[in-house]
Amino acid sequence: MQPYRVFIAAEVIATLKACRSGERRLITRLLDELADDPFRTGDYVERDDIGRPIQVLIIGSRAVCFWADHAVKEVKIIDLRQAGT
């Protein structure tokens, strides 16, 4: 399967820049893995305001929130926040 493209919301990039370098490397590696395996599920699922399932993966002290748009072969990273919030 051809890798999906990963799109990252601007506010997520700002949060990623503020992460410690080790944590940033882990999250960046996860983004590469999601491109190769867009069917990966999170540690739990939330719903956005239109009811779409948002996968939430815990990486260190952070929660990475994303959804896969299979119709256009893209993974959308929509939030990066402290885990547990």
N, C-alpha and C. Protein backbone atom coordinates (compact mmCIF):
# COMPACT_ATOMS: atom_id res chain seq x y z
N MET A 1 0.84 -1.18 0.00
CA MET A 1 0.00 0.00 0.00
C MET A 1 0.89 1.25 0.00
N GLN A 2 0.50 2.20 -0.82
CA GLN A 2 1.22 3.47 -0.87
C GLN A 2 0.95 4.24 0.42
N PRO A 3 1.99 4.87 0.98
CA PRO A 3 1.77 5.60 2.23
C PRO A 3 0.77 6.75 2.06
N TYR A 4 0.04 7.01 3.11
CA TYR A 4 -0.86 8.14 3.13
C TYR A 4 -0.04 9.42 3.38
N ARG A 5 -0.61 10.55 3.05
CA ARG A 5 0.00 11.83 3.40
C ARG A 5 -0.50 12.20 4.79
N VAL A 6 0.36 12.84 5.57
CA VAL A 6 0.01 13.27 6.91
C VAL A 6 -0.09 14.79 6.91
N PHE A 7 -1.24 15.29 7.35
CA PHE A 7 -1.45 16.73 7.47
C PHE A 7 -1.55 17.09 8.94
N ILE A 8 -0.85 18.16 9.32
CA ILE A 8 -0.77 18.55 10.73
C ILE A 8 -1.33 19.96 10.87
N ALA A 9 -2.27 20.14 11.77
CA ALA A 9 -2.85 21.46 12.04
C ALA A 9 -1.76 22.39 12.55
N ALA A 10 -1.85 23.66 12.18
CA ALA A 10 -0.83 24.66 12.54
C ALA A 10 -0.61 24.73 14.05
N GLU A 11 -1.67 24.67 14.83
CA GLU A 11 -1.51 24.75 16.28
C GLU A 11 -0.80 23.52 16.83
N VAL A 12 -0.93 22.39 16.15
CA VAL A 12 -0.21 21.18 16.56
C VAL A 12 1.29 21.37 16.33
N ILE A 13 1.66 21.99 15.24
CA ILE A 13 3.08 22.25 14.96
C ILE A 13 3.68 23.12 16.04
N ALA A 14 2.96 24.15 16.46
CA ALA A 14 3.45 25.03 17.52
C ALA A 14 3.65 24.25 18.82
N THR A 15 2.71 23.39 19.15
CA THR A 15 2.82 22.57 20.35
C THR A 15 3.99 21.60 20.23
N LEU A 16 4.16 21.00 19.07
CA LEU A 16 5.25 20.06 18.84
C LEU A 16 6.61 20.74 19.03
N LYS A 17 6.73 21.96 18.55
CA LYS A 17 8.00 22.71 18.71
C LYS A 17 8.33 22.95 20.18
N ALA A 18 7.30 23.05 21.01
CA ALA A 18 7.51 23.30 22.43
C ALA A 18 7.85 22.04 23.23
N CYS A 19 7.71 20.87 22.62
CA CYS A 19 8.01 19.61 23.30
C CYS A 19 9.52 19.44 23.48
N ARG A 20 9.87 18.65 24.47
CA ARG A 20 11.28 18.28 24.64
C ARG A 20 11.74 17.47 23.44
N SER A 21 13.02 17.52 23.15
CA SER A 21 13.53 16.89 21.92
C SER A 21 13.25 15.39 21.86
N GLY A 22 13.37 14.68 22.97
CA GLY A 22 13.09 13.24 22.97
C GLY A 22 11.64 12.94 22.69
N GLU A 23 10.77 13.71 23.29
CA GLU A 23 9.34 13.54 23.06
C GLU A 23 8.99 13.91 21.61
N ARG A 24 9.61 14.96 21.11
CA ARG A 24 9.37 15.39 19.72
C ARG A 24 9.78 14.29 18.74
N ARG A 25 10.91 13.63 19.01
CA ARG A 25 11.35 12.52 18.14
C ARG A 25 10.34 11.37 18.14
N LEU A 26 9.83 11.02 19.32
CA LEU A 26 8.83 9.95 19.41
C LEU A 26 7.57 10.30 18.63
N ILE A 27 7.11 11.52 18.76
CA ILE A 27 5.90 11.95 18.06
C ILE A 27 6.14 11.98 16.56
N THR A 28 7.28 12.48 16.14
CA THR A 28 7.62 12.51 14.72
C THR A 28 7.68 11.10 14.14
N ARG A 29 8.23 10.17 14.88
CA ARG A 29 8.27 8.77 14.45
C ARG A 29 6.85 8.21 14.31
N LEU A 30 5.98 8.57 15.25
CA LEU A 30 4.59 8.14 15.18
C LEU A 30 3.93 8.66 13.91
N LEU A 31 4.19 9.90 13.54
CA LEU A 31 3.60 10.47 12.32
C LEU A 31 4.03 9.68 11.09
N ASP A 32 5.29 9.28 11.05
CA ASP A 32 5.76 8.43 9.94
C ASP A 32 5.05 7.09 9.94
N GLU A 33 4.85 6.51 11.12
CA GLU A 33 4.16 5.22 11.23
C GLU A 33 2.71 5.32 10.78
N LEU A 34 2.06 6.44 11.09
CA LEU A 34 0.67 6.62 10.67
C LEU A 34 0.56 6.73 9.15
N ALA A 35 1.55 7.30 8.50
CA ALA A 35 1.55 7.36 7.03
C ALA A 35 1.60 5.96 6.45
N ASP A 36 2.37 5.08 7.09
CA ASP A 36 2.51 3.70 6.62
C ASP A 36 1.35 2.80 7.05
N ASP A 37 0.71 3.13 8.18
CA ASP A 37 -0.39 2.32 8.71
C ASP A 37 -1.53 3.24 9.16
N PRO A 38 -2.28 3.80 8.22
CA PRO A 38 -3.35 4.72 8.57
C PRO A 38 -4.55 4.06 9.24
N PHE A 39 -4.57 2.74 9.29
CA PHE A 39 -5.66 2.02 9.94
C PHE A 39 -5.37 1.77 11.43
N ARG A 40 -4.24 2.26 11.90
CA ARG A 40 -3.87 2.09 13.30
C ARG A 40 -4.92 2.75 14.19
N THR A 41 -5.23 2.07 15.27
CA THR A 41 -6.20 2.62 16.21
C THR A 41 -5.48 3.25 17.38
N GLY A 42 -6.18 4.13 18.05
CA GLY A 42 -5.61 4.81 19.20
C GLY A 42 -5.77 4.01 20.48
N ASP A 43 -5.33 4.61 21.56
CA ASP A 43 -5.53 4.01 22.87
C ASP A 43 -6.99 4.15 23.30
N TYR A 44 -7.63 5.17 22.78
CA TYR A 44 -9.07 5.34 22.96
C TYR A 44 -9.59 6.25 21.85
N VAL A 45 -10.91 6.37 21.77
CA VAL A 45 -11.55 7.14 20.71
C VAL A 45 -12.42 8.23 21.33
N GLU A 46 -12.34 9.42 20.76
CA GLU A 46 -13.24 10.52 21.09
C GLU A 46 -14.07 10.81 19.85
N ARG A 47 -15.11 11.60 19.98
CA ARG A 47 -15.93 12.03 18.84
C ARG A 47 -15.80 13.54 18.68
N ASP A 48 -15.65 13.99 17.43
CA ASP A 48 -15.63 15.43 17.21
C ASP A 48 -17.05 15.96 17.15
N ASP A 49 -17.22 17.24 16.86
CA ASP A 49 -18.56 17.84 16.90
C ASP A 49 -19.50 17.37 15.80
N ILE A 50 -18.99 16.65 14.80
CA ILE A 50 -19.90 16.06 13.80
C ILE A 50 -20.04 14.55 13.97
N GLY A 51 -19.46 14.03 15.05
CA GLY A 51 -19.60 12.61 15.36
C GLY A 51 -18.53 11.72 14.78
N ARG A 52 -17.54 12.30 14.11
CA ARG A 52 -16.45 11.50 13.51
C ARG A 52 -15.57 10.94 14.61
N PRO A 53 -15.17 9.67 14.51
CA PRO A 53 -14.27 9.10 15.51
C PRO A 53 -12.86 9.67 15.37
N ILE A 54 -12.33 10.16 16.48
CA ILE A 54 -10.98 10.70 16.54
C ILE A 54 -10.14 9.74 17.38
N GLN A 55 -9.11 9.19 16.78
CA GLN A 55 -8.21 8.29 17.49
C GLN A 55 -7.28 9.11 18.38
N VAL A 56 -7.05 8.64 19.59
CA VAL A 56 -6.16 9.32 20.52
C VAL A 56 -5.09 8.33 20.96
N LEU A 57 -3.84 8.64 20.62
CA LEU A 57 -2.69 7.80 21.01
C LEU A 57 -1.87 8.54 22.06
N ILE A 58 -1.52 7.84 23.11
CA ILE A 58 -0.70 8.42 24.17
C ILE A 58 0.76 8.13 23.87
N ILE A 59 1.55 9.19 23.80
CA ILE A 59 2.99 9.10 23.57
C ILE A 59 3.66 9.88 24.68
N GLY A 60 4.27 9.18 25.62
CA GLY A 60 4.87 9.87 26.77
C GLY A 60 3.79 10.62 27.53
N SER A 61 4.00 11.92 27.70
CA SER A 61 3.03 12.73 28.43
C SER A 61 2.04 13.43 27.50
N ARG A 62 2.07 13.08 26.21
CA ARG A 62 1.23 13.75 25.21
C ARG A 62 0.17 12.82 24.64
N ALA A 63 -0.92 13.43 24.20
CA ALA A 63 -1.99 12.72 23.49
C ALA A 63 -2.02 13.27 22.06
N VAL A 64 -1.86 12.39 21.08
CA VAL A 64 -1.91 12.76 19.67
C VAL A 64 -3.29 12.36 19.15
N CYS A 65 -4.02 13.34 18.62
CA CYS A 65 -5.39 13.10 18.15
C CYS A 65 -5.41 13.19 16.63
N PHE A 66 -6.00 12.16 16.00
CA PHE A 66 -5.97 12.11 14.54
C PHE A 66 -7.15 11.33 14.00
N TRP A 67 -7.38 11.51 12.71
CA TRP A 67 -8.35 10.68 11.99
C TRP A 67 -7.82 10.46 10.59
N ALA A 68 -8.17 9.31 10.03
CA ALA A 68 -7.72 8.95 8.68
C ALA A 68 -8.85 9.22 7.70
N ASP A 69 -8.53 9.96 6.66
CA ASP A 69 -9.48 10.22 5.58
C ASP A 69 -9.11 9.28 4.44
N HIS A 70 -9.69 8.10 4.46
CA HIS A 70 -9.31 7.05 3.51
C HIS A 70 -9.69 7.39 2.07
N ALA A 71 -10.70 8.23 1.89
CA ALA A 71 -11.12 8.59 0.54
C ALA A 71 -10.01 9.33 -0.22
N VAL A 72 -9.20 10.11 0.51
CA VAL A 72 -8.13 10.87 -0.15
C VAL A 72 -6.74 10.43 0.31
N LYS A 73 -6.69 9.34 1.09
CA LYS A 73 -5.43 8.77 1.58
C LYS A 73 -4.60 9.79 2.36
N GLU A 74 -5.26 10.36 3.39
CA GLU A 74 -4.60 11.32 4.26
C GLU A 74 -4.91 11.01 5.72
N VAL A 75 -3.94 11.29 6.58
CA VAL A 75 -4.13 11.22 8.02
C VAL A 75 -4.06 12.66 8.52
N LYS A 76 -5.09 13.08 9.25
CA LYS A 76 -5.18 14.45 9.75
C LYS A 76 -4.83 14.45 11.24
N ILE A 77 -3.76 15.15 11.59
CA ILE A 77 -3.37 15.32 12.99
C ILE A 77 -4.02 16.62 13.45
N ILE A 78 -5.00 16.51 14.35
CA ILE A 78 -5.79 17.68 14.67
C ILE A 78 -5.51 18.26 16.07
N ASP A 79 -4.83 17.49 16.93
CA ASP A 79 -4.55 18.02 18.27
C ASP A 79 -3.36 17.28 18.85
N LEU A 80 -2.59 18.00 19.63
CA LEU A 80 -1.49 17.45 20.43
C LEU A 80 -1.59 18.15 21.76
N ARG A 81 -1.89 17.39 22.81
CA ARG A 81 -2.11 18.00 24.11
C ARG A 81 -1.52 17.12 25.21
N GLN A 82 -1.51 17.68 26.40
CA GLN A 82 -1.09 16.88 27.54
C GLN A 82 -2.04 15.71 27.71
N ALA A 83 -1.53 14.54 27.94
CA ALA A 83 -2.37 13.37 28.16
C ALA A 83 -3.18 13.60 29.45
N GLY A 84 -4.41 13.14 29.41
CA GLY A 84 -5.26 13.25 30.58
C GLY A 84 -6.07 14.53 30.64
N THR A 85 -5.97 15.35 29.58
CA THR A 85 -6.78 16.60 29.58
C THR A 85 -7.83 16.54 28.51
